[in-house]
């Protein structure tokens, strides 16, 4: 007979124990960017709901923003960095292939010999990472997991692109996931559709870019660096026709009705998409709906923790409230789960 192999000791429930965010110092209102994209404040607000966004300065890096958000999450959870077993960092804008930002963040926080890795699932990245963290805790593989969603999308932004320059922004959000007496993170509803990758993508890979640079140098010309591009119409159509199913799937898996929700925290992609989802889900008027996009823009993997914090900070929702999270975007990928909202630093 094969030698018996021990297994980790599982726990019954996982929950979000604390939340922290980092918002870059620089506030960029619409009037600062309209000339570059031949637009207007009214057009941007009508099309997206955005009035301003945060763009990171040179010293506000993927790592530094993650560390700042993580420290507040740890404080909100009232635990030390040494008590974290695993770090999962979600981002689509890390401009190097290695080392993982998660490993560097863990070291910056004073962790030693801690498992750490990055994931890339676009704007759904935070919810993917949250699901992974909850499953690690429930399985007994980790006791407490630090989950970070962070972006410096301005590193990939063509400031003259009318389709993206007014949308994307920077920031970070982090949560601590750990065992709980009752379930605080419902089963994830997730999926992807790789046939729609052209809807949101980097317009050239770096191998192609390096080849163009070499050819341009030989010809005495210049080449254009890679940028993020988006077909807004295609994304909007997918979001308003498909994501109702994703939301209802997440609710069903958690055994929660839309009428039971206290808050709805969708990815902050576009205010029109948020409003459309509220209508099709027939959410009651007393459900708090995150509208962080108005002042923060679209921060991709960072948007859901940042939007959660905005609801809690404003008093529109409170720790312990039942909320539906839904991340969606590049991939095209989506992930959603019902959660109990966590505490934040006072």
Protein backbone atom coordinates (compact mmCIF):
# COMPACT_ATOMS: atom_id res chain seq x y z
CA UNK A 1 0.00 0.00 0.00
CA UNK A 2 1.21 3.57 -0.64
CA UNK A 3 2.50 5.52 2.33
CA UNK A 4 -0.29 7.67 3.82
CA UNK A 5 0.19 11.39 3.19
CA UNK A 6 -1.00 13.89 5.76
CA UNK A 7 -3.39 16.65 4.74
CA UNK A 8 -3.90 20.18 6.01
CA UNK A 9 -6.56 20.66 8.65
CA UNK A 10 -9.49 22.52 7.10
CA UNK A 11 -11.64 25.21 8.74
CA UNK A 12 -15.32 25.78 8.18
CA UNK A 13 -15.47 29.45 7.26
CA UNK A 14 -13.38 32.32 5.92
CA UNK A 15 -13.99 36.07 6.05
CA UNK A 16 -12.41 39.42 5.25
CA UNK A 17 -10.86 40.61 8.52
CA UNK A 18 -9.67 44.07 7.49
CA UNK A 19 -9.45 46.45 4.52
CA UNK A 20 -7.01 49.18 3.53
CA UNK A 21 -6.46 51.31 0.43
CA UNK A 22 -3.98 53.72 -1.06
CA UNK A 23 -5.07 56.57 -3.31
CA UNK A 24 -2.31 58.44 -5.19
CA UNK A 25 -1.75 62.03 -4.16
CA UNK A 26 -2.35 63.58 -7.59
CA UNK A 27 -5.97 64.32 -8.43
CA UNK A 28 -6.57 64.81 -12.16
CA UNK A 29 -9.93 66.46 -12.95
CA UNK A 30 -11.46 66.17 -16.39
CA UNK A 31 -10.50 69.69 -17.40
CA UNK A 32 -6.81 68.70 -17.14
CA UNK A 33 -7.10 66.08 -19.91
CA UNK A 34 -9.83 67.26 -22.28
CA UNK A 35 -7.56 69.19 -24.63
CA UNK A 36 -5.29 66.20 -25.27
CA UNK A 37 -8.22 64.03 -26.34
CA UNK A 38 -10.33 66.75 -28.01
CA UNK A 39 -13.16 66.21 -25.55
CA UNK A 40 -15.09 67.99 -22.80
CA UNK A 41 -15.95 67.55 -19.14
CA UNK A 42 -19.60 67.01 -20.07
CA UNK A 43 -18.75 64.32 -22.65
CA UNK A 44 -16.58 62.39 -20.18
CA UNK A 45 -19.18 62.55 -17.39
CA UNK A 46 -21.99 61.52 -19.73
CA UNK A 47 -20.04 58.63 -21.20
CA UNK A 48 -18.46 57.26 -18.00
CA UNK A 49 -19.56 59.19 -14.92
CA UNK A 50 -15.96 60.16 -14.17
CA UNK A 51 -15.27 63.65 -12.82
CA UNK A 52 -11.67 63.04 -11.70
CA UNK A 53 -9.13 60.28 -11.27
CA UNK A 54 -5.88 59.62 -9.35
CA UNK A 55 -2.63 59.30 -11.29
CA UNK A 56 0.46 58.04 -9.49
CA UNK A 57 3.63 60.10 -9.21
CA UNK A 58 7.06 58.59 -9.85
CA UNK A 59 7.53 57.51 -6.22
CA UNK A 60 4.09 55.85 -6.03
CA UNK A 61 4.96 52.43 -7.40
CA UNK A 62 3.14 49.10 -7.55
CA UNK A 63 5.12 48.03 -4.48
CA UNK A 64 4.87 51.23 -2.45
CA UNK A 65 1.11 51.60 -3.02
CA UNK A 66 0.59 47.93 -2.14
CA UNK A 67 2.61 48.26 1.05
CA UNK A 68 0.64 51.33 2.15
CA UNK A 69 -2.73 49.65 1.50
CA UNK A 70 -1.57 46.43 3.17
CA UNK A 71 -0.46 48.23 6.34
CA UNK A 72 -3.92 49.74 6.75
CA UNK A 73 -5.55 46.35 6.08
CA UNK A 74 -3.37 44.74 8.75
CA UNK A 75 -4.21 47.51 11.19
CA UNK A 76 -7.93 47.17 10.47
CA UNK A 77 -7.68 43.42 11.06
CA UNK A 78 -5.60 44.04 14.22
CA UNK A 79 -2.90 41.56 13.24
CA UNK A 80 0.84 41.74 12.60
CA UNK A 81 2.52 41.11 9.26
CA UNK A 82 4.25 38.10 10.83
CA UNK A 83 0.85 36.40 11.14
CA UNK A 84 0.33 36.38 7.35
CA UNK A 85 1.03 33.02 5.67
CA UNK A 86 0.48 33.99 2.04
CA UNK A 87 0.40 37.11 -0.14
CA UNK A 88 -1.62 37.15 -3.37
CA UNK A 89 -1.23 40.26 -5.50
CA UNK A 90 -3.49 40.98 -8.47
CA UNK A 91 -2.31 43.41 -11.13
CA UNK A 92 -2.15 43.89 -14.88
CA UNK A 93 0.34 46.75 -14.91
CA UNK A 94 3.56 45.39 -13.41
CA UNK A 95 6.12 46.33 -16.03
CA UNK A 96 8.59 43.53 -15.27
CA UNK A 97 8.22 39.76 -15.53
CA UNK A 98 9.99 39.08 -12.26
CA UNK A 99 10.35 39.01 -9.37
CA UNK A 100 6.70 38.94 -8.41
CA UNK A 101 5.49 42.12 -6.78
CA UNK A 102 3.85 40.00 -4.08
CA UNK A 103 7.21 38.66 -2.92
CA UNK A 104 8.74 42.15 -2.78
CA UNK A 105 5.73 43.52 -0.91
CA UNK A 106 5.96 40.69 1.63
CA UNK A 107 9.59 41.55 2.32
CA UNK A 108 8.84 45.28 2.54
CA UNK A 109 6.23 44.48 5.18
CA UNK A 110 8.80 42.54 7.21
CA UNK A 111 7.54 39.06 6.38
CA UNK A 112 10.01 36.18 6.22
CA UNK A 113 9.69 32.94 4.26
CA UNK A 114 6.12 33.82 3.28
CA UNK A 115 4.46 32.33 0.20
CA UNK A 116 3.76 35.12 -2.29
CA UNK A 117 2.69 35.31 -5.91
CA UNK A 118 0.98 37.53 -8.48
CA UNK A 119 -2.06 36.85 -10.61
CA UNK A 120 -3.29 38.59 -13.75
CA UNK A 121 -7.03 38.51 -14.42
CA UNK A 122 -7.58 42.09 -15.49
CA UNK A 123 -10.30 44.01 -13.70
CA UNK A 124 -11.56 40.74 -12.18
CA UNK A 125 -8.16 40.14 -10.56
CA UNK A 126 -9.09 41.15 -7.01
CA UNK A 127 -12.13 38.85 -6.91
CA UNK A 128 -10.04 35.99 -8.36
CA UNK A 129 -7.41 36.55 -5.67
CA UNK A 130 -10.07 36.80 -2.96
CA UNK A 131 -11.54 33.46 -4.02
CA UNK A 132 -8.09 31.85 -3.98
CA UNK A 133 -7.39 33.27 -0.52
CA UNK A 134 -10.69 32.05 0.91
CA UNK A 135 -10.07 28.56 -0.46
CA UNK A 136 -6.54 28.49 0.99
CA UNK A 137 -7.92 29.39 4.40
CA UNK A 138 -10.82 26.92 4.26
CA UNK A 139 -8.53 24.09 3.15
CA UNK A 140 -6.12 24.77 6.01
CA UNK A 141 -3.27 25.51 3.62
CA UNK A 142 -2.98 29.04 5.02
CA UNK A 143 -4.22 30.64 8.22
CA UNK A 144 -4.28 34.26 7.06
CA UNK A 145 -3.83 35.60 3.53
CA UNK A 146 -3.08 39.14 2.43
CA UNK A 147 -4.87 39.95 -0.85
CA UNK A 148 -3.86 43.03 -2.83
CA UNK A 149 -5.33 44.61 -5.95
CA UNK A 150 -3.03 47.29 -7.38
CA UNK A 151 -2.52 49.14 -10.65
CA UNK A 152 -0.37 51.83 -12.25
CA UNK A 153 -2.35 51.88 -15.46
CA UNK A 154 -0.91 55.25 -16.38
CA UNK A 155 2.28 53.37 -17.31
CA UNK A 156 0.27 51.85 -20.17
CA UNK A 157 -1.85 54.89 -20.98
CA UNK A 158 -1.74 56.85 -24.23
CA UNK A 159 -2.82 60.27 -22.95
CA UNK A 160 -4.00 61.20 -26.47
CA UNK A 161 -6.25 58.15 -26.89
CA UNK A 162 -9.86 59.36 -26.74
CA UNK A 163 -11.03 55.84 -25.88
CA UNK A 164 -8.88 55.25 -22.78
CA UNK A 165 -7.13 58.40 -21.53
CA UNK A 166 -10.09 59.60 -19.46
CA UNK A 167 -10.92 56.17 -17.99
CA UNK A 168 -7.91 54.49 -16.43
CA UNK A 169 -6.20 55.43 -13.19
CA UNK A 170 -3.97 54.19 -10.37
CA UNK A 171 -4.34 52.95 -6.82
CA UNK A 172 -4.24 49.97 -4.47
CA UNK A 173 -6.53 48.09 -2.11
CA UNK A 174 -5.76 45.23 0.27
CA UNK A 175 -7.67 42.88 2.54
CA UNK A 176 -6.72 40.27 5.11
CA UNK A 177 -8.59 36.95 4.77
CA UNK A 178 -8.70 34.53 7.67
CA UNK A 179 -10.84 31.96 9.53
CA UNK A 180 -14.19 33.06 10.95
CA UNK A 181 -17.00 31.69 13.10
CA UNK A 182 -19.47 32.13 10.24
CA UNK A 183 -19.05 32.40 6.50
CA UNK A 184 -17.94 35.81 5.30
CA UNK A 185 -16.95 35.04 1.68
CA UNK A 186 -19.44 33.18 -0.49
CA UNK A 187 -18.56 30.72 -3.25
CA UNK A 188 -17.13 32.45 -6.30
CA UNK A 189 -18.94 32.64 -9.64
CA UNK A 190 -16.26 33.11 -12.27
CA UNK A 191 -15.35 32.53 -15.87
CA UNK A 192 -13.75 33.98 -18.99
CA UNK A 193 -14.15 34.34 -22.74
CA UNK A 194 -10.85 34.46 -24.59
CA UNK A 195 -12.61 35.04 -27.92
CA UNK A 196 -13.13 38.65 -26.82
CA UNK A 197 -9.52 39.51 -25.95
CA UNK A 198 -9.50 42.33 -28.49
CA UNK A 199 -12.03 44.28 -26.42
CA UNK A 200 -9.38 45.33 -23.87
CA UNK A 201 -5.74 44.56 -24.50
CA UNK A 202 -2.20 45.84 -24.75
CA UNK A 203 -1.91 46.76 -28.41
CA UNK A 204 1.41 44.95 -28.93
CA UNK A 205 3.42 42.44 -26.93
CA UNK A 206 6.96 43.29 -25.91
CA UNK A 207 8.53 40.85 -28.36
CA UNK A 208 6.79 42.72 -31.16
CA UNK A 209 7.80 46.04 -29.64
CA UNK A 210 11.48 45.07 -29.38
CA UNK A 211 11.44 43.98 -33.03
CA UNK A 212 9.92 47.33 -34.00
CA UNK A 213 12.56 49.19 -31.97
CA UNK A 214 15.35 47.32 -33.75
CA UNK A 215 13.82 47.99 -37.16
CA UNK A 216 13.29 51.67 -36.32
CA UNK A 217 16.89 52.07 -35.15
CA UNK A 218 18.14 50.53 -38.39
CA UNK A 219 15.94 52.89 -40.40
CA UNK A 220 16.74 55.94 -38.31
CA UNK A 221 13.11 56.36 -37.22
CA UNK A 222 11.21 55.84 -33.98
CA UNK A 223 8.69 53.25 -32.78
CA UNK A 224 5.63 53.66 -30.56
CA UNK A 225 5.63 51.88 -27.21
CA UNK A 226 2.81 49.49 -26.20
CA UNK A 227 -0.39 50.99 -24.81
CA UNK A 228 -3.65 49.67 -23.44
CA UNK A 229 -6.52 49.92 -25.92
CA UNK A 230 -10.22 49.32 -25.46
CA UNK A 231 -13.31 48.86 -27.59
CA UNK A 232 -15.71 50.54 -25.21
CA UNK A 233 -18.83 49.62 -27.17
CA UNK A 234 -17.96 45.91 -27.16
CA UNK A 235 -17.17 45.91 -23.44
CA UNK A 236 -20.39 47.78 -22.61
CA UNK A 237 -22.50 45.38 -24.68
CA UNK A 238 -20.92 42.34 -23.00
CA UNK A 239 -21.30 43.83 -19.54
CA UNK A 240 -24.96 44.77 -19.74
CA UNK A 241 -26.03 41.52 -21.46
CA UNK A 242 -23.92 38.89 -19.67
CA UNK A 243 -23.11 40.14 -16.19
CA UNK A 244 -26.65 39.86 -14.83
CA UNK A 245 -26.17 36.08 -15.07
CA UNK A 246 -22.85 36.30 -13.23
CA UNK A 247 -24.41 38.35 -10.44
CA UNK A 248 -27.35 35.97 -10.04
CA UNK A 249 -24.99 33.00 -10.08
CA UNK A 250 -22.95 34.49 -7.22
CA UNK A 251 -26.12 35.24 -5.25
CA UNK A 252 -27.48 31.73 -5.80
CA UNK A 253 -24.23 30.08 -4.74
CA UNK A 254 -24.25 32.09 -1.53
CA UNK A 255 -27.94 31.40 -0.89
CA UNK A 256 -28.66 35.12 -0.82
CA UNK A 257 -31.41 37.03 -2.62
CA UNK A 258 -30.86 40.46 -4.15
CA UNK A 259 -33.32 41.81 -1.60
CA UNK A 260 -31.04 40.55 1.20
CA UNK A 261 -28.13 42.74 0.10
CA UNK A 262 -26.99 45.81 1.98
CA UNK A 263 -24.47 46.87 -0.67
CA UNK A 264 -23.43 46.26 -4.28
CA UNK A 265 -19.78 46.77 -5.20
CA UNK A 266 -19.21 46.17 -8.92
CA UNK A 267 -15.95 46.90 -10.70
CA UNK A 268 -15.79 50.63 -11.31
CA UNK A 269 -15.59 50.46 -15.10
CA UNK A 270 -18.32 52.84 -16.13
CA UNK A 271 -21.20 54.43 -14.23
CA UNK A 272 -23.63 53.49 -17.01
CA UNK A 273 -22.72 49.80 -16.58
CA UNK A 274 -23.19 50.07 -12.80
CA UNK A 275 -26.60 51.70 -13.23
CA UNK A 276 -27.66 49.09 -15.81
CA UNK A 277 -26.76 46.24 -13.45
CA UNK A 278 -28.69 47.87 -10.61
CA UNK A 279 -31.76 48.04 -12.85
CA UNK A 280 -31.65 44.48 -14.19
CA UNK A 281 -31.00 43.04 -10.73
CA UNK A 282 -33.94 45.10 -9.40
CA UNK A 283 -31.96 46.06 -6.31
CA UNK A 284 -34.00 47.76 -3.58
CA UNK A 285 -33.48 51.49 -3.15
CA UNK A 286 -31.86 50.97 0.25
CA UNK A 287 -28.97 48.94 -1.20
CA UNK A 288 -25.81 51.08 -1.12
CA UNK A 289 -24.16 51.09 -4.56
CA UNK A 290 -20.48 51.92 -5.02
CA UNK A 291 -19.83 54.93 -7.26
CA UNK A 292 -16.13 55.38 -6.51
CA UNK A 293 -15.44 55.73 -10.24
CA UNK A 294 -16.68 59.34 -10.09
CA UNK A 295 -13.59 60.50 -8.18
CA UNK A 296 -11.16 57.58 -8.70
CA UNK A 297 -11.60 56.48 -12.31
CA UNK A 298 -11.18 52.87 -13.40
CA UNK A 299 -8.38 51.29 -11.37
CA UNK A 300 -8.87 47.74 -12.70
CA UNK A 301 -7.77 45.18 -10.08
CA UNK A 302 -7.73 47.87 -7.37
CA UNK A 303 -11.24 49.18 -8.01
CA UNK A 304 -13.31 46.82 -5.85
CA UNK A 305 -11.35 47.20 -2.58
CA UNK A 306 -11.14 50.95 -3.19
CA UNK A 307 -14.89 51.10 -3.82
CA UNK A 308 -15.61 49.04 -0.70
CA UNK A 309 -13.53 51.45 1.34
CA UNK A 310 -15.36 54.46 -0.13
CA UNK A 311 -18.74 53.01 0.85
CA UNK A 312 -17.54 52.25 4.37
CA UNK A 313 -15.72 55.56 4.79
CA UNK A 314 -18.80 57.50 3.66
CA UNK A 315 -21.10 55.65 6.05
CA UNK A 316 -23.28 54.36 3.21
CA UNK A 317 -22.37 50.83 4.38
CA UNK A 318 -20.94 49.43 7.58
CA UNK A 319 -18.72 46.48 8.60
CA UNK A 320 -20.71 43.26 8.64
CA UNK A 321 -23.11 44.36 5.91
CA UNK A 322 -23.83 41.82 3.17
CA UNK A 323 -22.39 42.94 -0.17
CA UNK A 324 -22.18 41.52 -3.68
CA UNK A 325 -18.79 42.05 -5.33
CA UNK A 326 -18.38 41.71 -9.09
CA UNK A 327 -15.13 42.13 -10.99
CA UNK A 328 -15.11 42.08 -14.79
CA UNK A 329 -12.97 43.22 -17.68
CA UNK A 330 -9.95 42.26 -19.76
CA UNK A 331 -9.86 38.60 -20.66
CA UNK A 332 -12.76 38.98 -20.93
CA UNK A 333 -12.99 37.63 -17.40
CA UNK A 334 -15.38 37.98 -14.50
CA UNK A 335 -15.62 36.87 -10.88
CA UNK A 336 -18.07 37.68 -8.13
CA UNK A 337 -18.93 36.64 -4.61
CA UNK A 338 -21.13 37.69 -1.71
CA UNK A 339 -19.14 38.93 1.30
CA UNK A 340 -19.56 40.43 4.73
CA UNK A 341 -17.96 43.87 4.56
CA UNK A 342 -14.82 44.22 6.70
CA UNK A 343 -13.64 46.89 9.14
CA UNK A 344 -11.39 49.74 8.02
CA UNK A 345 -8.96 51.94 9.94
CA UNK A 346 -10.80 54.77 11.69
